[in-house]
Amino acid sequence: MSYNKYIGLKNWLKMMKPTTIYLPEETEASLQELANKTGKSLPELIEEVINNYLSQKPVKLPKSVGMGASGRTDLSSKTEQLLWTEE
């Protein structure tokens, strides 16, 4: 490892806080497989996944969504009958 790369790694480690996580064996195996394919370490992958998750903003639906909910489950099969029937 070159000196510059070592210094970069040392600075990177100073910014990190050690954390323990518990994963199911299947998840850990999948992460390890991905690490082998990408050449990244498990901590790098976990940090990347968490950062991606945290950067996603929840999609808020307009308040008008669901306003016309009638509670009926037969609307599509009875369209013609319902449209042309007077109540």
Foldseek 3Di string as FASTA:
>chain_A
DDPVVVVVVVVVVVPDDDDDDDDDPVVVVVLVVVCVVVVHDSVVVVVVVVVVVVPDDDDDDDPCVPVPDPVDPCCVVCVVVVVPDDD
